[in-house]
N, C-alpha and C. Protein backbone atom coordinates (compact mmCIF):
# COMPACT_ATOMS: atom_id res chain seq x y z
N UNK A 1 -75.40 65.95 6.83
CA UNK A 1 -76.05 66.43 5.56
C UNK A 1 -76.92 65.48 5.02
N UNK A 2 -77.98 66.09 4.38
CA UNK A 2 -79.18 65.41 3.78
C UNK A 2 -78.54 64.42 2.85
N UNK A 3 -77.61 64.73 1.96
CA UNK A 3 -77.12 63.93 0.93
C UNK A 3 -76.49 62.62 1.57
N UNK A 4 -75.78 62.83 2.59
CA UNK A 4 -75.15 61.63 3.26
C UNK A 4 -76.12 60.67 3.77
N UNK A 5 -77.11 61.16 4.50
CA UNK A 5 -78.14 60.35 4.97
C UNK A 5 -78.92 59.66 3.85
N UNK A 6 -79.11 60.30 2.81
CA UNK A 6 -79.84 59.62 1.66
C UNK A 6 -79.01 58.57 1.09
N UNK A 7 -77.71 58.75 0.94
CA UNK A 7 -76.88 57.78 0.39
C UNK A 7 -76.71 56.52 1.30
N UNK A 8 -76.70 56.72 2.53
CA UNK A 8 -76.64 55.63 3.56
C UNK A 8 -77.82 54.79 3.44
N UNK A 9 -79.00 55.35 3.11
CA UNK A 9 -80.21 54.60 3.01
C UNK A 9 -80.24 53.78 1.67
N UNK A 10 -79.24 54.18 0.84
CA UNK A 10 -79.06 53.35 -0.37
C UNK A 10 -80.28 53.60 -1.32
N UNK A 11 -80.86 54.74 -1.22
CA UNK A 11 -81.97 55.12 -2.22
C UNK A 11 -81.45 55.64 -3.51
N UNK A 12 -81.55 54.94 -4.58
CA UNK A 12 -80.82 55.24 -5.78
C UNK A 12 -81.78 56.14 -6.58
N UNK A 13 -82.13 57.35 -6.17
CA UNK A 13 -83.01 58.18 -6.81
C UNK A 13 -82.04 59.28 -7.36
N UNK A 14 -81.75 59.07 -8.71
CA UNK A 14 -80.78 60.00 -9.35
C UNK A 14 -81.26 61.45 -9.34
N UNK A 15 -82.52 61.69 -9.48
CA UNK A 15 -83.10 63.06 -9.47
C UNK A 15 -82.72 63.90 -8.26
N UNK A 16 -82.74 63.20 -7.09
CA UNK A 16 -82.39 63.93 -5.83
C UNK A 16 -80.94 64.26 -5.79
N UNK A 17 -80.06 63.36 -6.24
CA UNK A 17 -78.67 63.68 -6.25
C UNK A 17 -78.16 64.75 -7.33
N UNK A 18 -78.82 64.72 -8.46
CA UNK A 18 -78.61 65.72 -9.37
C UNK A 18 -79.24 67.08 -8.92
N UNK A 19 -80.28 67.14 -8.21
CA UNK A 19 -80.77 68.30 -7.63
C UNK A 19 -79.93 68.95 -6.60
N UNK A 20 -79.24 67.99 -5.80
CA UNK A 20 -78.33 68.47 -4.65
C UNK A 20 -76.98 68.87 -5.20
N UNK A 21 -76.45 68.38 -6.29
CA UNK A 21 -75.23 68.60 -6.86
C UNK A 21 -74.89 70.19 -6.95
N UNK A 22 -75.88 70.93 -7.64
CA UNK A 22 -75.57 72.29 -7.68
C UNK A 22 -75.58 73.19 -6.45
N UNK A 23 -76.38 72.56 -5.49
CA UNK A 23 -76.45 73.19 -4.05
C UNK A 23 -75.03 73.08 -3.46
N UNK A 24 -74.45 71.87 -3.71
CA UNK A 24 -73.16 71.63 -3.11
C UNK A 24 -72.14 72.63 -3.74
N UNK A 25 -72.27 72.66 -5.03
CA UNK A 25 -71.36 73.54 -5.84
C UNK A 25 -71.40 75.01 -5.41
N UNK A 26 -72.66 75.49 -5.14
CA UNK A 26 -72.85 76.88 -4.76
C UNK A 26 -72.15 77.14 -3.38
N UNK A 27 -72.33 76.10 -2.48
CA UNK A 27 -71.79 76.21 -1.16
C UNK A 27 -70.40 75.82 -0.88
N UNK A 28 -69.74 75.40 -1.90
CA UNK A 28 -68.40 74.70 -1.92
C UNK A 28 -67.44 75.52 -0.98
N UNK A 29 -67.47 76.92 -1.08
CA UNK A 29 -66.50 77.77 -0.31
C UNK A 29 -66.85 77.72 1.23
N UNK A 30 -67.96 77.22 1.56
CA UNK A 30 -68.38 77.31 3.05
C UNK A 30 -68.22 75.90 3.61
N UNK A 31 -68.03 74.96 2.83
CA UNK A 31 -68.01 73.49 3.33
C UNK A 31 -66.60 73.19 3.96
N UNK A 32 -66.72 72.36 4.96
CA UNK A 32 -65.48 71.85 5.72
C UNK A 32 -64.96 70.59 4.75
N UNK A 33 -63.61 70.26 5.05
CA UNK A 33 -63.12 69.10 4.44
C UNK A 33 -64.03 67.89 4.64
N UNK A 34 -64.54 67.69 5.87
CA UNK A 34 -65.40 66.56 6.06
C UNK A 34 -66.63 66.59 5.33
N UNK A 35 -67.31 67.82 5.25
CA UNK A 35 -68.46 67.90 4.36
C UNK A 35 -68.18 67.50 2.92
N UNK A 36 -67.06 68.08 2.40
CA UNK A 36 -66.76 67.84 0.95
C UNK A 36 -66.51 66.39 0.73
N UNK A 37 -65.77 65.73 1.60
CA UNK A 37 -65.37 64.25 1.41
C UNK A 37 -66.70 63.37 1.57
N UNK A 38 -67.55 63.76 2.52
CA UNK A 38 -68.79 63.00 2.74
C UNK A 38 -69.80 63.14 1.47
N UNK A 39 -69.77 64.35 0.97
CA UNK A 39 -70.66 64.64 -0.13
C UNK A 39 -70.21 63.77 -1.39
N UNK A 40 -68.93 63.81 -1.68
CA UNK A 40 -68.49 63.03 -2.73
C UNK A 40 -68.55 61.55 -2.49
N UNK A 41 -68.32 61.09 -1.32
CA UNK A 41 -68.53 59.78 -0.86
C UNK A 41 -70.10 59.22 -1.16
N UNK A 42 -70.93 60.19 -0.80
CA UNK A 42 -72.45 59.81 -1.01
C UNK A 42 -72.68 59.58 -2.50
N UNK A 43 -72.13 60.46 -3.35
CA UNK A 43 -72.31 60.14 -4.77
C UNK A 43 -71.67 58.82 -5.20
N UNK A 44 -70.54 58.54 -4.69
CA UNK A 44 -69.84 57.29 -5.05
C UNK A 44 -70.49 56.14 -4.52
N UNK A 45 -71.21 56.17 -3.34
CA UNK A 45 -71.80 55.04 -2.67
C UNK A 45 -72.98 54.56 -3.69
N UNK A 46 -73.64 55.55 -4.30
CA UNK A 46 -74.77 55.24 -5.13
C UNK A 46 -74.37 55.14 -6.64
N UNK A 47 -73.13 55.34 -6.87
CA UNK A 47 -72.66 55.30 -8.25
C UNK A 47 -73.30 56.31 -9.18
N UNK A 48 -73.40 57.47 -8.62
CA UNK A 48 -73.95 58.54 -9.59
C UNK A 48 -72.90 59.57 -9.75
N UNK A 49 -72.44 59.60 -10.97
CA UNK A 49 -71.25 60.52 -11.30
C UNK A 49 -71.82 61.87 -11.81
N UNK A 50 -71.40 62.91 -11.14
CA UNK A 50 -71.66 64.29 -11.61
C UNK A 50 -70.40 64.99 -11.94
N UNK A 51 -69.95 64.88 -13.12
CA UNK A 51 -68.63 65.48 -13.63
C UNK A 51 -68.45 66.88 -13.18
N UNK A 52 -69.52 67.70 -13.18
CA UNK A 52 -69.39 69.09 -12.78
C UNK A 52 -69.06 69.27 -11.30
N UNK A 53 -69.63 68.45 -10.50
CA UNK A 53 -69.31 68.48 -9.07
C UNK A 53 -67.87 67.97 -8.85
N UNK A 54 -67.46 66.94 -9.45
CA UNK A 54 -66.13 66.41 -9.26
C UNK A 54 -65.06 67.38 -9.76
N UNK A 55 -65.38 68.03 -10.87
CA UNK A 55 -64.40 69.04 -11.45
C UNK A 55 -64.42 70.30 -10.51
N UNK A 56 -65.54 70.65 -9.97
CA UNK A 56 -65.61 71.96 -9.13
C UNK A 56 -64.73 71.67 -7.83
N UNK A 57 -64.89 70.45 -7.20
CA UNK A 57 -64.28 70.18 -6.01
C UNK A 57 -62.79 70.10 -6.30
N UNK A 58 -62.40 69.37 -7.37
CA UNK A 58 -61.03 69.18 -7.79
C UNK A 58 -60.32 70.61 -7.99
N UNK A 59 -61.02 71.54 -8.58
CA UNK A 59 -60.38 72.82 -8.88
C UNK A 59 -60.36 73.63 -7.52
N UNK A 60 -61.10 73.29 -6.60
CA UNK A 60 -61.12 73.97 -5.27
C UNK A 60 -60.02 73.53 -4.36
N UNK A 61 -59.53 72.23 -4.78
CA UNK A 61 -58.42 71.74 -3.86
C UNK A 61 -57.12 72.41 -4.12
N UNK A 62 -56.38 72.76 -3.01
CA UNK A 62 -55.06 73.29 -3.20
C UNK A 62 -54.23 72.64 -2.02
N UNK A 63 -53.00 72.91 -1.99
CA UNK A 63 -52.10 72.38 -0.89
C UNK A 63 -52.57 73.11 0.43
N UNK A 64 -52.92 74.37 0.28
CA UNK A 64 -53.30 75.12 1.63
C UNK A 64 -54.56 74.50 2.10
N UNK A 65 -55.50 74.36 1.27
CA UNK A 65 -56.90 73.81 1.68
C UNK A 65 -56.69 72.37 2.17
N UNK A 66 -55.91 71.49 1.45
CA UNK A 66 -55.80 70.09 1.83
C UNK A 66 -55.14 70.00 3.12
N UNK A 67 -54.30 70.93 3.60
CA UNK A 67 -53.67 70.88 4.95
C UNK A 67 -54.59 70.75 6.00
N UNK A 68 -55.89 71.11 5.69
CA UNK A 68 -56.90 71.03 6.81
C UNK A 68 -57.74 69.70 6.80
N UNK A 69 -57.27 68.84 5.86
CA UNK A 69 -57.92 67.58 5.74
C UNK A 69 -57.44 66.60 6.73
N UNK A 70 -58.20 65.93 7.44
CA UNK A 70 -57.68 64.91 8.44
C UNK A 70 -57.39 63.62 7.56
N UNK A 71 -56.62 62.67 8.02
CA UNK A 71 -56.36 61.42 7.49
C UNK A 71 -57.59 60.81 6.94
N UNK A 72 -58.68 60.79 7.80
CA UNK A 72 -59.85 60.09 7.45
C UNK A 72 -60.57 60.70 6.19
N UNK A 73 -60.66 62.11 6.20
CA UNK A 73 -61.18 62.89 5.18
C UNK A 73 -60.51 62.69 3.94
N UNK A 74 -59.14 62.63 4.01
CA UNK A 74 -58.27 62.39 2.87
C UNK A 74 -58.41 61.04 2.26
N UNK A 75 -58.64 60.00 3.04
CA UNK A 75 -58.93 58.68 2.59
C UNK A 75 -60.23 58.54 1.85
N UNK A 76 -61.22 59.38 2.48
CA UNK A 76 -62.58 59.19 1.89
C UNK A 76 -62.59 59.87 0.52
N UNK A 77 -61.97 61.08 0.40
CA UNK A 77 -61.99 61.82 -0.84
C UNK A 77 -61.18 61.06 -1.89
N UNK A 78 -60.05 60.47 -1.53
CA UNK A 78 -59.38 59.76 -2.51
C UNK A 78 -60.10 58.58 -3.14
N UNK A 79 -60.94 57.83 -2.20
CA UNK A 79 -61.66 56.66 -2.63
C UNK A 79 -62.82 57.13 -3.52
N UNK A 80 -63.48 58.32 -3.19
CA UNK A 80 -64.54 58.78 -4.05
C UNK A 80 -64.13 59.03 -5.41
N UNK A 81 -62.93 59.74 -5.57
CA UNK A 81 -62.43 59.94 -6.90
C UNK A 81 -61.99 58.69 -7.55
N UNK A 82 -61.48 57.76 -6.76
CA UNK A 82 -60.92 56.52 -7.39
C UNK A 82 -62.13 55.74 -7.91
N UNK A 83 -63.19 55.63 -7.21
CA UNK A 83 -64.44 54.84 -7.55
C UNK A 83 -65.00 55.35 -8.94
N UNK A 84 -64.75 56.68 -9.25
CA UNK A 84 -65.33 57.16 -10.46
C UNK A 84 -64.30 57.08 -11.57
N UNK A 85 -63.14 56.66 -11.25
CA UNK A 85 -62.04 56.50 -12.19
C UNK A 85 -61.52 57.84 -12.72
N UNK A 86 -61.63 58.86 -11.70
CA UNK A 86 -61.23 60.16 -12.15
C UNK A 86 -59.70 60.30 -12.03
N UNK A 87 -59.06 60.56 -13.17
CA UNK A 87 -57.60 60.47 -13.31
C UNK A 87 -56.94 61.78 -13.54
N UNK A 88 -57.40 62.90 -13.23
CA UNK A 88 -56.84 64.17 -13.35
C UNK A 88 -55.50 64.21 -12.69
N UNK A 89 -54.45 64.38 -13.43
CA UNK A 89 -53.07 64.36 -12.92
C UNK A 89 -52.77 65.36 -11.68
N UNK A 90 -53.27 66.53 -11.98
CA UNK A 90 -53.08 67.54 -10.83
C UNK A 90 -53.79 67.21 -9.60
N UNK A 91 -55.02 66.76 -9.74
CA UNK A 91 -55.75 66.18 -8.46
C UNK A 91 -54.98 65.16 -7.72
N UNK A 92 -54.57 64.13 -8.48
CA UNK A 92 -53.90 62.99 -7.78
C UNK A 92 -52.56 63.36 -7.23
N UNK A 93 -51.82 64.41 -7.93
CA UNK A 93 -50.70 64.79 -7.38
C UNK A 93 -50.80 65.47 -5.99
N UNK A 94 -51.91 66.27 -5.95
CA UNK A 94 -52.19 66.97 -4.67
C UNK A 94 -52.68 66.01 -3.60
N UNK A 95 -53.53 65.01 -3.93
CA UNK A 95 -53.98 63.99 -3.00
C UNK A 95 -52.90 63.11 -2.53
N UNK A 96 -52.01 62.80 -3.34
CA UNK A 96 -50.86 61.95 -2.92
C UNK A 96 -49.93 62.79 -2.00
N UNK A 97 -49.75 64.00 -2.28
CA UNK A 97 -48.96 64.89 -1.45
C UNK A 97 -49.65 64.94 -0.07
N UNK A 98 -50.95 65.08 0.02
CA UNK A 98 -51.69 65.29 1.38
C UNK A 98 -51.65 63.86 2.06
N UNK A 99 -51.83 62.73 1.31
CA UNK A 99 -51.77 61.48 1.95
C UNK A 99 -50.45 61.19 2.54
N UNK A 100 -49.37 61.49 1.89
CA UNK A 100 -48.01 61.32 2.37
C UNK A 100 -47.76 62.08 3.61
N UNK A 101 -48.27 63.28 3.73
CA UNK A 101 -48.17 64.05 4.82
C UNK A 101 -49.01 63.52 6.03
N UNK A 102 -49.97 62.70 5.79
CA UNK A 102 -50.83 62.20 6.78
C UNK A 102 -50.32 60.81 7.41
N UNK A 103 -49.33 60.21 6.85
CA UNK A 103 -48.94 58.87 7.27
C UNK A 103 -48.81 58.64 8.68
N UNK A 104 -47.98 59.49 9.28
CA UNK A 104 -47.70 59.37 10.73
C UNK A 104 -48.90 59.46 11.56
N UNK A 105 -49.89 60.18 11.18
CA UNK A 105 -51.09 60.32 11.96
C UNK A 105 -52.21 59.42 11.67
N UNK A 106 -52.07 58.62 10.54
CA UNK A 106 -53.05 57.81 10.08
C UNK A 106 -53.10 56.48 10.81
N UNK A 107 -54.35 55.96 11.01
CA UNK A 107 -54.41 54.53 11.53
C UNK A 107 -54.33 53.55 10.35
N UNK A 108 -54.41 52.25 10.67
CA UNK A 108 -54.23 51.32 9.67
C UNK A 108 -55.45 51.33 8.67
N UNK A 109 -56.60 51.58 9.16
CA UNK A 109 -57.74 51.54 8.22
C UNK A 109 -57.54 52.68 7.14
N UNK A 110 -57.25 53.88 7.67
CA UNK A 110 -57.12 54.87 6.66
C UNK A 110 -55.95 54.70 5.69
N UNK A 111 -54.80 54.15 6.13
CA UNK A 111 -53.70 53.90 5.22
C UNK A 111 -54.06 52.84 4.26
N UNK A 112 -54.84 51.88 4.65
CA UNK A 112 -55.30 50.82 3.68
C UNK A 112 -56.21 51.54 2.62
N UNK A 113 -57.09 52.34 3.10
CA UNK A 113 -58.05 52.99 2.21
C UNK A 113 -57.37 53.80 1.23
N UNK A 114 -56.37 54.63 1.65
CA UNK A 114 -55.49 55.37 0.70
C UNK A 114 -54.89 54.55 -0.30
N UNK A 115 -54.24 53.45 0.11
CA UNK A 115 -53.54 52.58 -0.74
C UNK A 115 -54.44 51.85 -1.76
N UNK A 116 -55.61 51.55 -1.37
CA UNK A 116 -56.60 50.92 -2.17
C UNK A 116 -57.02 51.91 -3.27
N UNK A 117 -57.21 53.18 -2.82
CA UNK A 117 -57.63 54.19 -3.85
C UNK A 117 -56.59 54.36 -4.92
N UNK A 118 -55.34 54.41 -4.53
CA UNK A 118 -54.25 54.58 -5.57
C UNK A 118 -54.28 53.30 -6.50
N UNK A 119 -54.44 52.18 -5.99
CA UNK A 119 -54.42 50.87 -6.74
C UNK A 119 -55.55 50.99 -7.78
N UNK A 120 -56.68 51.50 -7.32
CA UNK A 120 -57.87 51.56 -8.24
C UNK A 120 -57.59 52.38 -9.41
N UNK A 121 -56.83 53.47 -9.29
CA UNK A 121 -56.50 54.32 -10.45
C UNK A 121 -55.15 53.99 -11.03
N UNK A 122 -54.61 52.85 -10.62
CA UNK A 122 -53.28 52.42 -11.23
C UNK A 122 -52.18 53.39 -10.89
N UNK A 123 -52.10 53.82 -9.74
CA UNK A 123 -50.88 54.72 -9.39
C UNK A 123 -50.13 54.01 -8.30
N UNK A 124 -48.78 54.10 -8.36
CA UNK A 124 -47.91 53.52 -7.31
C UNK A 124 -46.82 54.43 -6.97
N UNK A 125 -47.18 55.69 -6.35
CA UNK A 125 -46.20 56.66 -6.04
C UNK A 125 -45.27 56.17 -4.92
N UNK A 126 -43.94 56.18 -5.18
CA UNK A 126 -43.07 55.76 -4.08
C UNK A 126 -43.08 56.70 -2.94
N UNK A 127 -43.27 57.95 -3.11
CA UNK A 127 -43.30 58.94 -1.94
C UNK A 127 -44.23 58.64 -0.93
N UNK A 128 -45.38 58.08 -1.38
CA UNK A 128 -46.43 57.62 -0.41
C UNK A 128 -46.18 56.23 -0.03
N UNK A 129 -46.10 55.26 -1.07
CA UNK A 129 -46.06 53.85 -0.71
C UNK A 129 -44.99 53.34 0.14
N UNK A 130 -43.78 53.90 -0.08
CA UNK A 130 -42.71 53.31 0.81
C UNK A 130 -42.93 53.58 2.22
N UNK A 131 -43.21 54.85 2.67
CA UNK A 131 -43.48 54.99 4.15
C UNK A 131 -44.75 54.29 4.58
N UNK A 132 -45.81 54.38 3.70
CA UNK A 132 -47.09 53.80 4.10
C UNK A 132 -47.10 52.32 4.24
N UNK A 133 -46.46 51.62 3.34
CA UNK A 133 -46.33 50.17 3.57
C UNK A 133 -45.51 49.78 4.66
N UNK A 134 -44.37 50.54 4.91
CA UNK A 134 -43.55 50.26 6.10
C UNK A 134 -44.35 50.43 7.39
N UNK A 135 -45.23 51.54 7.34
CA UNK A 135 -46.05 51.67 8.64
C UNK A 135 -47.10 50.62 8.83
N UNK A 136 -47.64 50.27 7.64
CA UNK A 136 -48.65 49.20 7.69
C UNK A 136 -48.10 47.82 8.11
N UNK A 137 -46.78 47.60 7.73
CA UNK A 137 -46.12 46.40 8.22
C UNK A 137 -46.02 46.33 9.69
N UNK A 138 -45.64 47.55 10.25
CA UNK A 138 -45.68 47.66 11.78
C UNK A 138 -47.04 47.52 12.41
N UNK A 139 -48.11 48.05 11.72
CA UNK A 139 -49.40 48.01 12.27
C UNK A 139 -50.20 46.64 12.05
N UNK A 140 -49.54 45.77 11.28
CA UNK A 140 -50.21 44.55 10.92
C UNK A 140 -50.98 43.79 11.93
N UNK A 141 -50.36 43.61 13.21
CA UNK A 141 -51.04 42.86 14.24
C UNK A 141 -52.54 43.54 14.60
N UNK A 142 -52.52 44.81 14.30
CA UNK A 142 -53.76 45.50 14.72
C UNK A 142 -54.78 45.54 13.50
N UNK A 143 -54.37 45.11 12.31
CA UNK A 143 -55.28 45.17 11.13
C UNK A 143 -56.35 44.13 11.13
N UNK A 144 -57.51 44.44 10.79
CA UNK A 144 -58.61 43.40 10.68
C UNK A 144 -58.27 42.60 9.51
N UNK A 145 -58.77 41.33 9.57
CA UNK A 145 -58.49 40.40 8.30
C UNK A 145 -59.02 41.02 7.03
N UNK A 146 -60.21 41.74 7.15
CA UNK A 146 -60.76 42.33 5.96
C UNK A 146 -59.76 43.35 5.40
N UNK A 147 -59.28 44.16 6.23
CA UNK A 147 -58.22 45.16 5.83
C UNK A 147 -57.03 44.55 5.20
N UNK A 148 -56.47 43.48 5.82
CA UNK A 148 -55.35 42.78 5.25
C UNK A 148 -55.66 42.25 3.82
N UNK A 149 -56.74 41.70 3.71
CA UNK A 149 -57.13 41.15 2.41
C UNK A 149 -57.22 42.34 1.36
N UNK A 150 -57.90 43.48 1.63
CA UNK A 150 -57.91 44.57 0.77
C UNK A 150 -56.57 45.09 0.46
N UNK A 151 -55.71 45.26 1.40
CA UNK A 151 -54.35 45.75 1.25
C UNK A 151 -53.60 44.89 0.39
N UNK A 152 -53.68 43.47 0.56
CA UNK A 152 -52.95 42.59 -0.30
C UNK A 152 -53.35 42.66 -1.68
N UNK A 153 -54.61 42.78 -1.89
CA UNK A 153 -55.09 42.88 -3.32
C UNK A 153 -54.53 44.11 -3.94
N UNK A 154 -54.60 45.24 -3.26
CA UNK A 154 -54.03 46.54 -3.72
C UNK A 154 -52.60 46.42 -4.05
N UNK A 155 -51.76 45.83 -3.23
CA UNK A 155 -50.33 45.64 -3.45
C UNK A 155 -50.13 44.72 -4.46
N UNK A 156 -50.93 43.74 -4.76
CA UNK A 156 -50.77 42.82 -5.86
C UNK A 156 -50.99 43.63 -7.20
N UNK A 157 -51.97 44.58 -7.19
CA UNK A 157 -52.23 45.28 -8.47
C UNK A 157 -51.05 46.30 -8.70
N UNK A 158 -50.57 46.81 -7.71
CA UNK A 158 -49.30 47.72 -7.85
C UNK A 158 -48.16 46.99 -8.31
N UNK A 159 -47.97 45.75 -7.89
CA UNK A 159 -46.85 44.94 -8.52
C UNK A 159 -47.13 44.70 -9.92
N UNK A 160 -48.44 44.45 -10.35
CA UNK A 160 -48.73 44.22 -11.69
C UNK A 160 -48.46 45.39 -12.62
N UNK A 161 -48.77 46.53 -12.12
CA UNK A 161 -48.53 47.75 -12.96
C UNK A 161 -47.17 48.27 -13.03
N UNK A 162 -46.25 47.58 -12.35
CA UNK A 162 -44.83 47.95 -12.37
C UNK A 162 -44.35 48.92 -11.35
N UNK A 163 -44.55 48.61 -10.11
CA UNK A 163 -44.10 49.48 -9.07
C UNK A 163 -42.59 49.55 -9.11
N UNK A 164 -41.95 50.75 -8.84
CA UNK A 164 -40.50 50.83 -8.91
C UNK A 164 -39.83 49.93 -7.85
N UNK A 165 -38.51 49.84 -7.93
CA UNK A 165 -37.83 48.96 -7.00
C UNK A 165 -37.99 49.22 -5.55
N UNK A 166 -38.02 50.47 -5.19
CA UNK A 166 -38.23 50.80 -3.70
C UNK A 166 -39.59 50.24 -3.19
N UNK A 167 -40.67 50.48 -4.04
CA UNK A 167 -41.93 50.07 -3.65
C UNK A 167 -42.02 48.51 -3.62
N UNK A 168 -41.38 47.94 -4.66
CA UNK A 168 -41.39 46.42 -4.76
C UNK A 168 -40.67 45.82 -3.58
N UNK A 169 -39.67 46.49 -3.07
CA UNK A 169 -38.95 45.93 -1.87
C UNK A 169 -39.82 45.97 -0.66
N UNK A 170 -40.53 47.19 -0.40
CA UNK A 170 -41.40 47.24 0.82
C UNK A 170 -42.63 46.26 0.71
N UNK A 171 -43.09 46.05 -0.52
CA UNK A 171 -44.17 45.20 -0.73
C UNK A 171 -43.63 43.70 -0.50
N UNK A 172 -42.51 43.34 -0.84
CA UNK A 172 -41.89 41.99 -0.46
C UNK A 172 -41.82 41.79 0.98
N UNK A 173 -41.21 42.93 1.65
CA UNK A 173 -41.14 42.87 3.10
C UNK A 173 -42.55 42.62 3.78
N UNK A 174 -43.56 43.38 3.30
CA UNK A 174 -44.86 43.28 3.85
C UNK A 174 -45.34 41.83 3.73
N UNK A 175 -45.15 41.24 2.55
CA UNK A 175 -45.75 39.86 2.35
C UNK A 175 -44.96 38.88 3.18
N UNK A 176 -43.59 39.09 3.31
CA UNK A 176 -42.86 38.21 4.36
C UNK A 176 -43.42 38.26 5.66
N UNK A 177 -43.61 39.59 6.14
CA UNK A 177 -44.13 39.70 7.58
C UNK A 177 -45.56 38.99 7.61
N UNK A 178 -46.33 39.29 6.60
CA UNK A 178 -47.68 38.77 6.55
C UNK A 178 -47.74 37.22 6.73
N UNK A 179 -46.79 36.67 6.02
CA UNK A 179 -46.69 35.11 6.06
C UNK A 179 -46.33 34.74 7.38
N UNK A 180 -45.39 35.43 8.10
CA UNK A 180 -44.98 35.14 9.46
C UNK A 180 -46.17 35.35 10.49
N UNK A 181 -46.85 36.48 10.15
CA UNK A 181 -48.13 36.78 11.06
C UNK A 181 -49.10 35.62 10.97
N UNK A 182 -49.33 35.14 9.73
CA UNK A 182 -50.33 34.11 9.56
C UNK A 182 -49.90 32.92 10.27
N UNK A 183 -48.71 32.57 10.05
CA UNK A 183 -48.17 31.26 10.70
C UNK A 183 -48.24 31.33 12.19
N UNK A 184 -47.83 32.52 12.70
CA UNK A 184 -47.83 32.77 14.21
C UNK A 184 -49.22 32.66 14.75
N UNK A 185 -50.18 33.30 14.02
CA UNK A 185 -51.65 33.24 14.41
C UNK A 185 -52.17 31.83 14.45
N UNK A 186 -51.81 31.01 13.34
CA UNK A 186 -52.24 29.69 13.28
C UNK A 186 -51.70 28.81 14.37
N UNK A 187 -50.33 29.06 14.76
CA UNK A 187 -49.68 28.33 15.91
C UNK A 187 -50.48 28.63 17.17
N UNK A 188 -50.70 29.94 17.34
CA UNK A 188 -51.39 30.36 18.56
C UNK A 188 -52.87 29.69 18.73
N UNK A 189 -53.47 29.62 17.58
CA UNK A 189 -54.87 29.01 17.56
C UNK A 189 -54.75 27.49 17.87
N UNK A 190 -53.73 26.86 17.21
CA UNK A 190 -53.61 25.39 17.55
C UNK A 190 -53.23 25.20 19.04
N UNK A 191 -52.45 26.07 19.53
CA UNK A 191 -52.00 25.92 20.97
C UNK A 191 -53.17 26.04 21.79
N UNK A 192 -54.09 27.11 21.51
CA UNK A 192 -55.23 27.23 22.33
C UNK A 192 -56.20 26.07 22.30
N UNK A 193 -56.34 25.54 21.04
CA UNK A 193 -57.20 24.33 20.87
C UNK A 193 -56.73 23.16 21.74
N UNK A 194 -55.38 23.01 21.68
CA UNK A 194 -54.69 21.88 22.40
C UNK A 194 -55.03 22.10 23.96
N UNK A 195 -54.87 23.27 24.44
CA UNK A 195 -55.14 23.47 25.75
C UNK A 195 -56.61 23.17 26.28
N UNK A 196 -57.51 23.57 25.32
CA UNK A 196 -58.88 23.37 25.55
C UNK A 196 -59.20 21.86 25.58
């Protein structure tokens, strides 16, 4: 899409984005989940908020339509709405429902992105977080350091906003495993240095 290419170039020409917004709205019923998530992400990248576009997409979303969203598309659309601080309760209820359904098929990057989106809008739903953090704990060895840093920050925020007992428990377990992971990685590195 032209919009996505424009956003990647980081050309902050608001006129172009505002001209494209009504085109996206007109074609909303013909767009795929990937197109919709990429379009909103393009606006989020250049921090241009078009409330009408956000509301139109939000009203278009339903459980039936969201079922066609891949884990990646779900993570992208969650982060786009989160970056704008869009806190419509119905929208987030639907997105959390879809994210929860995606957990088993999601890779670590997408689960981290979904978790960070929820932290950004100060939500800590146990239905998503308990299985998601458990899965991320298992995936920890495959997570990039940057992803671990983002996830740790998100979980810290969820602790601050008062996550329930179940969520707090899985967060503590994650932190414990992370500490073990860091210790083990440091020991492996020291061993490799000694051999060299």
